[in-house]
N, C-alpha and C. Protein backbone atom coordinates (compact mmCIF):
# COMPACT_ATOMS: atom_id res chain seq x y z
N MET A 1 22.70 79.18 -59.35
CA MET A 1 23.11 79.56 -58.56
C MET A 1 22.85 78.98 -57.53
N LEU A 2 21.41 79.96 -56.80
CA LEU A 2 20.57 78.88 -56.11
C LEU A 2 20.16 77.26 -55.98
N GLN A 3 20.12 76.98 -57.52
CA GLN A 3 19.32 76.00 -57.98
C GLN A 3 20.57 74.26 -57.04
N ASN A 4 21.84 75.62 -57.39
CA ASN A 4 23.60 74.61 -57.09
C ASN A 4 23.28 73.87 -55.89
N THR A 5 22.81 75.09 -55.34
CA THR A 5 22.75 74.91 -53.52
C THR A 5 21.84 73.98 -52.99
N LEU A 6 20.51 73.83 -54.10
CA LEU A 6 19.65 73.28 -53.00
C LEU A 6 20.23 71.97 -53.85
N LEU A 7 20.66 71.65 -54.83
CA LEU A 7 21.06 69.97 -55.39
C LEU A 7 21.90 69.51 -53.64
N ASN A 8 22.56 71.22 -53.00
CA ASN A 8 23.35 70.27 -52.27
C ASN A 8 22.21 69.44 -51.04
N PHE A 9 21.28 70.29 -50.88
CA PHE A 9 21.32 69.68 -49.70
C PHE A 9 19.78 69.11 -49.77
N PRO A 10 19.18 67.69 -49.10
CA PRO A 10 18.05 66.68 -49.55
C PRO A 10 16.57 67.23 -49.44
N VAL A 11 15.89 66.46 -49.99
CA VAL A 11 14.70 67.66 -49.89
C VAL A 11 13.77 67.20 -48.94
N ASP A 12 14.26 65.93 -48.06
CA ASP A 12 13.37 65.91 -46.83
C ASP A 12 13.84 67.05 -45.95
N PRO A 13 13.27 67.44 -45.07
CA PRO A 13 13.15 68.95 -44.11
C PRO A 13 14.19 67.88 -42.74
N PHE A 14 13.56 66.97 -42.48
CA PHE A 14 14.46 66.92 -41.29
C PHE A 14 15.59 65.88 -41.62
N ALA A 15 15.92 65.45 -42.95
CA ALA A 15 17.26 65.69 -43.34
C ALA A 15 18.67 66.70 -43.42
N ARG A 16 17.64 67.37 -44.25
CA ARG A 16 17.97 68.89 -44.24
C ARG A 16 18.51 70.00 -43.53
N LEU A 17 17.10 69.62 -42.29
CA LEU A 17 18.67 69.97 -40.73
C LEU A 17 19.02 69.47 -40.50
N LEU A 18 19.09 68.23 -40.49
CA LEU A 18 20.90 67.84 -39.88
C LEU A 18 21.25 68.18 -40.22
N THR A 19 21.73 68.34 -41.56
CA THR A 19 22.63 68.86 -42.86
C THR A 19 23.02 69.92 -42.78
N LEU A 20 21.65 70.87 -42.04
CA LEU A 20 22.58 72.28 -41.46
C LEU A 20 23.48 72.27 -40.60
N HIS A 21 23.31 71.26 -39.36
CA HIS A 21 23.46 71.70 -38.06
C HIS A 21 24.42 70.74 -37.95
N ARG A 22 24.80 69.87 -39.01
CA ARG A 22 26.10 68.35 -38.57
C ARG A 22 27.20 69.39 -37.86
N ALA A 23 27.59 69.86 -38.15
CA ALA A 23 29.17 70.51 -37.19
C ALA A 23 28.34 70.58 -35.32
N GLU A 24 27.85 71.48 -36.04
CA GLU A 24 27.00 72.30 -34.68
C GLU A 24 26.76 70.55 -33.81
N LEU A 25 25.79 70.42 -34.11
CA LEU A 25 25.08 68.56 -33.58
C LEU A 25 26.37 67.84 -33.28
N THR A 26 27.32 67.88 -34.68
CA THR A 26 28.92 66.39 -34.29
C THR A 26 29.42 67.20 -32.96
N ARG A 27 29.33 68.22 -32.53
CA ARG A 27 30.65 69.15 -31.01
C ARG A 27 29.76 68.37 -30.15
N PHE A 28 28.84 68.63 -29.62
CA PHE A 28 27.81 68.28 -28.95
C PHE A 28 27.46 67.29 -28.59
N ILE A 29 27.49 66.63 -30.18
CA ILE A 29 28.28 64.91 -28.83
C ILE A 29 29.22 64.60 -28.80
N THR A 30 29.90 65.24 -29.49
CA THR A 30 31.40 64.18 -29.20
C THR A 30 32.48 65.04 -27.77
N ARG A 31 31.39 66.19 -27.60
CA ARG A 31 31.32 67.19 -26.22
C ARG A 31 30.52 65.86 -25.22
N LYS A 32 29.98 65.54 -25.63
CA LYS A 32 29.00 64.87 -24.88
C LYS A 32 29.74 63.00 -24.75
N LEU A 33 30.16 62.39 -25.68
CA LEU A 33 29.94 61.39 -25.53
C LEU A 33 31.76 60.82 -25.73
N GLY A 34 32.67 61.94 -26.48
CA GLY A 34 33.90 61.61 -26.69
C GLY A 34 34.04 60.94 -27.46
N THR A 35 33.61 60.75 -27.95
CA THR A 35 34.02 60.36 -29.61
C THR A 35 33.26 60.85 -30.80
N GLU A 36 33.94 61.29 -32.46
CA GLU A 36 33.45 61.19 -33.43
C GLU A 36 32.65 60.34 -34.00
N GLU A 37 33.40 59.01 -33.86
CA GLU A 37 32.50 58.19 -34.32
C GLU A 37 30.85 57.67 -33.69
N ALA A 38 30.80 57.71 -32.62
CA ALA A 38 29.61 57.97 -31.63
C ALA A 38 28.73 58.81 -32.24
N ALA A 39 29.37 59.99 -32.55
CA ALA A 39 29.10 61.47 -32.80
C ALA A 39 27.62 60.62 -34.37
N GLU A 40 28.33 60.21 -35.52
CA GLU A 40 28.28 59.38 -36.53
C GLU A 40 26.96 59.04 -35.96
N ASP A 41 27.59 57.61 -35.03
CA ASP A 41 26.14 56.46 -35.17
C ASP A 41 24.83 56.90 -34.35
N ILE A 42 25.36 58.47 -33.38
CA ILE A 42 24.08 59.34 -33.42
C ILE A 42 23.15 60.16 -34.33
N LEU A 43 24.19 60.47 -35.20
CA LEU A 43 22.99 61.13 -36.14
C LEU A 43 22.17 60.31 -36.90
N GLN A 44 23.30 59.59 -36.92
CA GLN A 44 22.17 58.15 -37.76
C GLN A 44 20.84 57.93 -37.18
N ASP A 45 20.90 57.26 -36.77
CA ASP A 45 19.70 57.16 -35.20
C ASP A 45 19.36 58.46 -35.06
N ALA A 46 19.76 59.71 -34.99
CA ALA A 46 18.64 60.73 -35.74
C ALA A 46 18.33 60.69 -36.53
N TYR A 47 18.51 60.73 -37.34
CA TYR A 47 17.30 60.89 -39.26
C TYR A 47 16.94 59.55 -38.64
N MET A 48 17.36 58.45 -38.65
CA MET A 48 15.58 57.19 -38.41
C MET A 48 14.85 57.43 -37.71
N ARG A 49 14.83 57.71 -36.70
CA ARG A 49 13.96 58.90 -36.13
C ARG A 49 13.31 59.87 -35.94
N LEU A 50 14.10 60.85 -36.79
CA LEU A 50 13.29 61.59 -37.55
C LEU A 50 12.86 61.52 -38.47
N SER A 51 12.91 60.38 -39.52
CA SER A 51 12.64 60.08 -40.86
C SER A 51 10.71 59.75 -40.20
N HIS A 52 10.41 59.31 -39.45
CA HIS A 52 9.49 58.78 -39.12
C HIS A 52 7.89 60.30 -38.99
N TYR A 53 8.44 61.26 -38.90
CA TYR A 53 7.55 62.91 -39.21
C TYR A 53 7.34 63.32 -40.37
N GLN A 54 6.53 63.66 -40.94
CA GLN A 54 5.94 63.33 -42.45
C GLN A 54 6.75 64.88 -42.24
N THR A 55 6.76 66.29 -41.49
CA THR A 55 6.39 67.94 -41.86
C THR A 55 6.94 68.46 -41.20
N LEU A 56 7.40 69.76 -41.12
CA LEU A 56 8.29 70.20 -39.94
C LEU A 56 6.50 71.32 -39.35
N ASP A 57 5.72 71.48 -39.83
CA ASP A 57 4.54 72.39 -40.02
C ASP A 57 3.94 71.94 -37.65
N ASN A 58 4.53 70.85 -38.11
CA ASN A 58 3.65 71.50 -36.10
C ASN A 58 4.68 71.73 -35.14
N ILE A 59 6.21 71.96 -35.94
CA ILE A 59 7.20 72.06 -34.51
C ILE A 59 7.76 73.62 -34.74
N ASP A 60 7.21 74.10 -33.85
CA ASP A 60 7.87 75.70 -33.23
C ASP A 60 9.02 75.83 -33.75
N ASN A 61 9.87 75.01 -33.08
CA ASN A 61 11.56 75.86 -33.62
C ASN A 61 11.88 74.20 -33.53
N PRO A 62 12.40 73.88 -35.40
CA PRO A 62 12.63 72.58 -35.63
C PRO A 62 14.19 72.48 -35.80
N ARG A 63 15.44 73.60 -35.24
CA ARG A 63 15.98 73.18 -34.46
C ARG A 63 15.72 73.13 -33.09
N ALA A 64 15.72 73.51 -32.24
CA ALA A 64 15.06 73.33 -30.63
C ALA A 64 15.39 71.38 -31.24
N PHE A 65 14.20 71.33 -31.80
CA PHE A 65 13.53 69.82 -31.55
C PHE A 65 14.66 68.71 -31.92
N VAL A 66 15.00 69.37 -32.78
CA VAL A 66 16.94 68.00 -33.84
C VAL A 66 17.59 68.24 -32.79
N PHE A 67 17.75 69.13 -31.45
CA PHE A 67 18.81 69.13 -30.64
C PHE A 67 18.11 67.84 -30.05
N ARG A 68 16.95 68.30 -29.13
CA ARG A 68 15.96 67.24 -28.17
C ARG A 68 16.61 66.61 -28.21
N VAL A 69 16.11 65.87 -29.51
CA VAL A 69 15.85 63.95 -30.44
C VAL A 69 17.62 64.39 -30.03
N VAL A 70 18.93 64.55 -30.67
CA VAL A 70 19.63 64.06 -30.39
C VAL A 70 19.82 64.12 -28.64
N ALA A 71 19.96 64.59 -28.28
CA ALA A 71 19.87 64.63 -27.05
C ALA A 71 19.93 63.57 -25.41
N ASN A 72 18.34 63.20 -26.60
CA ASN A 72 17.69 61.65 -25.95
C ASN A 72 18.48 60.61 -26.55
N LEU A 73 18.89 60.46 -27.09
CA LEU A 73 19.93 59.59 -28.40
C LEU A 73 20.93 59.78 -27.49
N VAL A 74 21.99 60.45 -27.09
CA VAL A 74 22.77 60.43 -26.30
C VAL A 74 22.81 59.88 -25.07
N ILE A 75 21.79 60.10 -24.39
CA ILE A 75 21.20 59.50 -22.94
C ILE A 75 20.79 58.60 -23.25
N ASP A 76 20.32 57.91 -24.17
CA ASP A 76 20.24 56.15 -24.07
C ASP A 76 21.41 55.44 -24.61
N HIS A 77 22.61 57.08 -25.23
CA HIS A 77 23.70 55.78 -25.71
C HIS A 77 24.85 55.62 -24.13
N GLN A 78 24.41 56.82 -24.08
CA GLN A 78 25.44 56.57 -22.54
C GLN A 78 24.66 55.38 -20.98
N ARG A 79 23.23 55.32 -20.71
CA ARG A 79 22.82 54.02 -20.53
C ARG A 79 23.35 52.57 -21.13
N LEU A 80 23.14 52.89 -22.05
CA LEU A 80 24.09 51.45 -22.62
C LEU A 80 25.09 50.75 -22.69
N SER A 81 25.66 52.30 -22.59
CA SER A 81 27.18 52.60 -22.06
C SER A 81 27.53 51.66 -20.84
N ALA A 82 26.67 52.35 -20.20
CA ALA A 82 27.22 52.10 -18.50
C ALA A 82 26.84 50.86 -18.38
N ASN A 83 25.92 49.95 -19.23
CA ASN A 83 25.06 48.44 -18.56
C ASN A 83 25.35 47.67 -19.19
N ARG A 84 27.03 48.07 -20.44
CA ARG A 84 27.34 46.75 -21.19
C ARG A 84 28.39 46.66 -20.79
N ILE A 85 28.84 45.88 -21.00
CA ILE A 85 30.41 44.54 -20.32
C ILE A 85 31.16 45.26 -21.48
N PRO A 86 31.80 45.80 -22.30
CA PRO A 86 32.98 45.42 -23.00
C PRO A 86 33.73 45.21 -23.57
N HIS A 87 33.52 44.73 -24.95
CA HIS A 87 33.62 43.80 -25.81
C HIS A 87 34.64 43.57 -26.34
N ASP A 88 35.87 44.73 -25.84
CA ASP A 88 36.99 44.17 -26.73
C ASP A 88 38.18 43.77 -25.09
N SER A 89 38.31 43.26 -24.65
CA SER A 89 38.99 42.75 -23.18
C SER A 89 40.32 43.19 -23.42
N ASN A 90 41.13 44.19 -22.56
CA ASN A 90 42.65 44.25 -21.93
C ASN A 90 43.48 43.03 -21.94
N GLU A 91 43.60 42.61 -22.99
CA GLU A 91 44.81 41.57 -22.71
C GLU A 91 45.95 41.54 -21.21
N GLU A 92 46.46 42.49 -20.83
CA GLU A 92 46.91 42.59 -19.93
C GLU A 92 45.76 42.77 -18.96
N MET A 93 44.42 43.11 -18.64
CA MET A 93 43.97 42.89 -17.81
C MET A 93 43.55 41.34 -17.81
N LEU A 94 44.23 40.65 -18.45
CA LEU A 94 43.20 39.46 -18.59
C LEU A 94 44.76 38.27 -18.27
N HIS A 95 46.04 38.39 -18.35
CA HIS A 95 46.28 37.68 -18.15
C HIS A 95 47.44 37.86 -16.09
N ALA A 96 46.15 39.00 -15.99
CA ALA A 96 46.71 39.29 -15.06
C ALA A 96 45.45 39.08 -13.69
N ILE A 97 44.43 38.20 -14.20
CA ILE A 97 43.67 37.73 -12.94
C ILE A 97 44.43 36.89 -13.16
N PRO A 98 44.54 36.41 -12.08
CA PRO A 98 44.71 34.96 -10.72
C PRO A 98 44.81 33.67 -11.13
N ASP A 99 45.66 32.40 -12.03
CA ASP A 99 44.83 31.53 -12.19
C ASP A 99 44.39 30.95 -10.62
N GLN A 100 43.76 30.22 -10.85
CA GLN A 100 42.78 29.51 -9.22
C GLN A 100 43.25 28.07 -9.49
N GLN A 101 44.04 27.15 -10.03
CA GLN A 101 44.43 26.16 -10.52
C GLN A 101 45.93 26.35 -9.93
N ALA A 102 45.85 25.58 -8.97
CA ALA A 102 47.54 25.64 -8.31
C ALA A 102 48.67 25.04 -9.42
N GLU A 103 49.74 25.41 -9.69
CA GLU A 103 51.16 24.59 -10.55
C GLU A 103 50.63 23.10 -10.36
N PRO A 104 51.42 22.12 -11.37
CA PRO A 104 51.22 20.84 -11.29
C PRO A 104 52.66 20.22 -9.94
N ASP A 105 53.71 21.44 -10.60
CA ASP A 105 54.21 20.76 -9.15
C ASP A 105 53.60 21.20 -7.98
N THR A 106 52.89 21.71 -7.71
CA THR A 106 52.82 22.08 -6.27
C THR A 106 51.66 20.97 -5.86
N VAL A 107 50.14 20.38 -6.84
CA VAL A 107 49.61 19.66 -6.53
C VAL A 107 50.41 18.19 -6.95
N TYR A 108 51.27 18.01 -7.18
CA TYR A 108 52.17 17.22 -6.84
C TYR A 108 52.77 16.96 -5.83
N GLN A 109 53.65 18.02 -4.83
CA GLN A 109 54.31 18.03 -3.94
C GLN A 109 52.52 18.37 -2.72
N THR A 110 51.57 18.28 -2.81
CA THR A 110 50.26 17.76 -2.00
C THR A 110 50.44 16.85 -2.00
N GLN A 111 49.81 16.35 -2.64
CA GLN A 111 49.34 15.08 -2.67
C GLN A 111 50.67 13.57 -2.26
N GLN A 112 52.11 14.07 -2.03
CA GLN A 112 53.19 12.99 -1.91
C GLN A 112 52.93 13.36 -0.49
N ARG A 113 52.80 14.62 -0.58
CA ARG A 113 52.34 15.20 1.48
C ARG A 113 51.10 14.11 2.31
N LEU A 114 50.28 14.52 1.52
CA LEU A 114 48.92 13.28 1.42
C LEU A 114 49.05 12.10 1.72
N ALA A 115 49.80 11.74 1.25
CA ALA A 115 50.22 10.59 0.59
C ALA A 115 51.30 10.48 1.73
N ILE A 116 52.14 10.49 2.71
CA ILE A 116 52.94 10.33 4.11
C ILE A 116 51.51 10.45 4.53
N ILE A 117 51.27 11.45 5.25
CA ILE A 117 50.46 11.77 6.03
C ILE A 117 49.46 10.49 6.22
N LYS A 118 48.61 9.89 5.73
CA LYS A 118 47.58 9.19 5.45
C LYS A 118 49.16 6.84 5.83
N GLN A 119 50.27 7.18 5.16
CA GLN A 119 51.04 6.24 5.77
C GLN A 119 51.49 6.32 7.01
N ALA A 120 51.38 7.34 7.34
CA ALA A 120 51.85 7.76 9.00
C ALA A 120 50.25 7.55 9.99
N LEU A 121 49.41 7.80 9.80
CA LEU A 121 47.82 7.84 10.27
C LEU A 121 47.95 5.89 10.13
N ASP A 122 47.82 5.42 8.70
CA ASP A 122 47.47 3.60 9.56
C ASP A 122 48.55 3.04 10.22
N GLU A 123 49.80 3.92 11.66
CA GLU A 123 50.72 2.85 11.59
C GLU A 123 50.53 3.37 12.86
N LEU A 124 50.02 4.20 13.52
CA LEU A 124 49.73 4.43 14.60
C LEU A 124 48.13 3.25 15.15
N PRO A 125 48.73 3.05 16.60
CA PRO A 125 47.26 1.98 16.91
C PRO A 125 45.78 2.90 17.01
N LEU A 126 44.81 1.83 16.47
CA LEU A 126 42.97 2.35 16.35
C LEU A 126 42.70 3.12 16.49
N SER A 127 42.71 3.33 18.53
CA SER A 127 42.36 4.72 19.55
C SER A 127 43.12 5.15 19.07
N CYS A 128 43.92 5.38 18.79
CA CYS A 128 44.44 6.75 18.40
C CYS A 128 44.17 7.50 16.91
N ARG A 129 44.00 6.86 16.08
CA ARG A 129 43.59 6.79 14.71
C ARG A 129 42.62 7.15 15.21
N GLN A 130 40.99 6.65 15.65
CA GLN A 130 39.71 6.90 16.29
C GLN A 130 39.82 8.30 16.61
N ALA A 131 40.71 8.66 17.80
CA ALA A 131 40.95 10.09 18.51
C ALA A 131 41.53 10.82 17.35
N PHE A 132 41.86 10.51 16.69
CA PHE A 132 42.63 11.66 15.38
C PHE A 132 40.93 12.56 14.57
N TYR A 133 40.82 11.48 14.04
CA TYR A 133 40.24 11.68 13.10
C TYR A 133 38.37 11.72 13.81
N LEU A 134 38.34 12.08 14.68
CA LEU A 134 36.70 12.19 15.34
C LEU A 134 37.08 13.42 15.79
N ASN A 135 38.33 13.75 16.63
CA ASN A 135 38.88 15.27 16.27
C ASN A 135 38.74 16.36 15.37
N ARG A 136 40.01 15.89 13.95
CA ARG A 136 40.00 16.79 13.28
C ARG A 136 39.57 16.53 12.40
N ILE A 137 39.12 15.86 12.32
CA ILE A 137 38.43 15.54 10.95
C ILE A 137 36.56 15.97 10.93
N GLU A 138 36.08 14.90 12.34
CA GLU A 138 34.89 15.39 12.43
C GLU A 138 34.47 16.49 13.16
N GLY A 139 35.98 16.80 14.13
CA GLY A 139 35.34 18.18 14.42
C GLY A 139 35.18 17.78 15.95
N TYR A 140 34.39 16.83 16.54
CA TYR A 140 34.65 16.63 18.19
C TYR A 140 35.50 17.23 18.79
N SER A 141 34.72 17.48 20.15
CA SER A 141 35.55 17.88 21.49
C SER A 141 36.62 16.91 21.62
N HIS A 142 37.69 17.44 22.81
CA HIS A 142 38.31 16.28 23.70
C HIS A 142 37.06 15.81 24.57
N ALA A 143 36.60 16.58 24.86
CA ALA A 143 34.83 15.85 25.59
C ALA A 143 34.04 14.53 24.36
N ASN A 144 33.89 15.34 23.86
CA ASN A 144 33.02 14.06 22.73
C ASN A 144 33.70 13.05 22.21
N CYS A 145 35.06 12.86 22.37
CA CYS A 145 35.82 12.01 21.85
C CYS A 145 36.25 10.72 22.89
N ALA A 146 36.02 11.25 23.72
CA ALA A 146 36.38 10.98 24.31
C ALA A 146 34.97 9.62 24.73
N VAL A 147 33.73 10.36 25.29
CA VAL A 147 32.39 9.64 25.50
C VAL A 147 32.49 8.94 24.41
N LYS A 148 32.63 9.25 23.44
CA LYS A 148 32.75 8.21 22.45
C LYS A 148 33.59 7.62 21.90
N LEU A 149 34.71 7.61 22.77
CA LEU A 149 35.90 6.12 22.62
C LEU A 149 35.99 5.67 23.81
N GLN A 150 34.57 5.83 24.71
CA GLN A 150 35.07 5.39 26.13
C GLN A 150 36.55 5.40 26.68
N ILE A 151 37.05 6.26 26.87
CA ILE A 151 38.48 6.45 27.96
C ILE A 151 37.82 8.40 28.10
N SER A 152 39.11 8.17 28.71
CA SER A 152 39.21 9.41 29.04
C SER A 152 40.15 11.10 27.97
N GLU A 153 39.61 12.41 28.78
CA GLU A 153 39.65 13.27 28.36
C GLU A 153 41.24 13.12 27.87
N SER A 154 41.64 12.86 28.47
CA SER A 154 43.20 12.86 29.22
C SER A 154 44.01 12.32 27.65
N MET A 155 43.13 10.89 28.02
CA MET A 155 43.70 10.21 26.97
C MET A 155 43.66 10.27 25.92
N VAL A 156 42.96 10.55 25.32
CA VAL A 156 42.68 11.96 23.91
C VAL A 156 43.28 12.86 23.73
N ALA A 157 44.22 13.72 24.84
CA ALA A 157 44.74 14.90 23.96
C ALA A 157 46.16 14.04 24.02
N LYS A 158 46.38 12.97 24.82
CA LYS A 158 47.63 11.86 25.28
C LYS A 158 47.47 10.96 23.12
N HIS A 159 46.36 10.81 23.09
CA HIS A 159 46.54 9.97 21.83
C HIS A 159 46.02 11.80 20.46
N LEU A 160 45.49 12.62 20.57
CA LEU A 160 46.48 13.66 20.00
C LEU A 160 47.63 14.11 19.45
N LEU A 161 47.90 14.05 20.95
CA LEU A 161 49.51 14.48 20.68
C LEU A 161 50.51 13.26 19.96
N HIS A 162 49.66 12.20 20.01
CA HIS A 162 51.15 11.34 20.25
C HIS A 162 50.37 11.00 18.11
N ALA A 163 49.75 11.26 18.42
CA ALA A 163 49.54 11.49 16.62
C ALA A 163 49.94 12.53 14.89
N MET A 164 49.85 13.78 16.57
CA MET A 164 49.97 14.65 15.76
C MET A 164 51.96 14.66 15.82
N VAL A 165 52.60 14.27 16.90
CA VAL A 165 54.34 13.62 16.51
C VAL A 165 54.24 13.21 15.52
N HIS A 166 53.14 12.05 15.29
CA HIS A 166 54.17 11.19 14.72
C HIS A 166 54.61 11.55 12.66
N CYS A 167 52.75 11.98 12.91
CA CYS A 167 52.74 12.68 11.55
C CYS A 167 54.07 13.84 11.32
N ARG A 168 54.63 14.80 12.05
CA ARG A 168 55.70 14.96 11.31
C ARG A 168 56.42 15.46 11.49
N ASP A 169 56.60 14.08 11.98
CA ASP A 169 58.01 13.23 11.98
C ASP A 169 58.29 12.38 10.66
N ARG A 170 57.00 12.08 10.22
CA ARG A 170 57.29 11.03 9.05
C ARG A 170 56.91 11.91 8.00
N LEU A 171 56.88 13.80 7.66
CA LEU A 171 56.97 15.08 7.03
C LEU A 171 58.51 15.05 7.00
N LYS A 172 59.22 15.06 8.58
CA LYS A 172 59.83 16.11 7.76
C LYS A 172 61.04 14.88 7.54
N ASN A 173 61.38 13.61 7.91
CA ASN A 173 61.90 12.49 6.93
C ASN A 173 61.40 11.98 5.65
N SER A 174 60.30 12.53 5.20
CA SER A 174 60.74 12.73 3.33
C SER A 174 60.90 13.26 2.71
């Protein structure tokens, strides 16, 4: 009967310790990590780490030593998991990310509006177009536009008003 019992336990002293305390170690790991699969992986890693030791002779409390090795592996696992991006992405999460590209009909409408504005600007007198360009595109102030175009600030304001009204009317009529 004793021989039969010995056949169930591995000869390696650390493998024997892991086998003797397997249920207790599994509960400990599962409580820390939440899954039994992780517990199996940790126990396998623990065996690999402990297999480098030849004997239990230099260890005062082998059970405590095994638990310390397993606890350290649990901490390592938690650190790695915290830094790792999950590979299995939730399909709903992926679809919830907004698409940065505009819808084709929106792009088309925007292109149409820009073409109308360009045409409306082309219909304006040159000084009016220049004032609009300097102010709205280049960011010049009314005073700077006046200096650049050699006209008064009030004339710049009139040109800008005329350009805006003309563009607005063209957009309304399209």
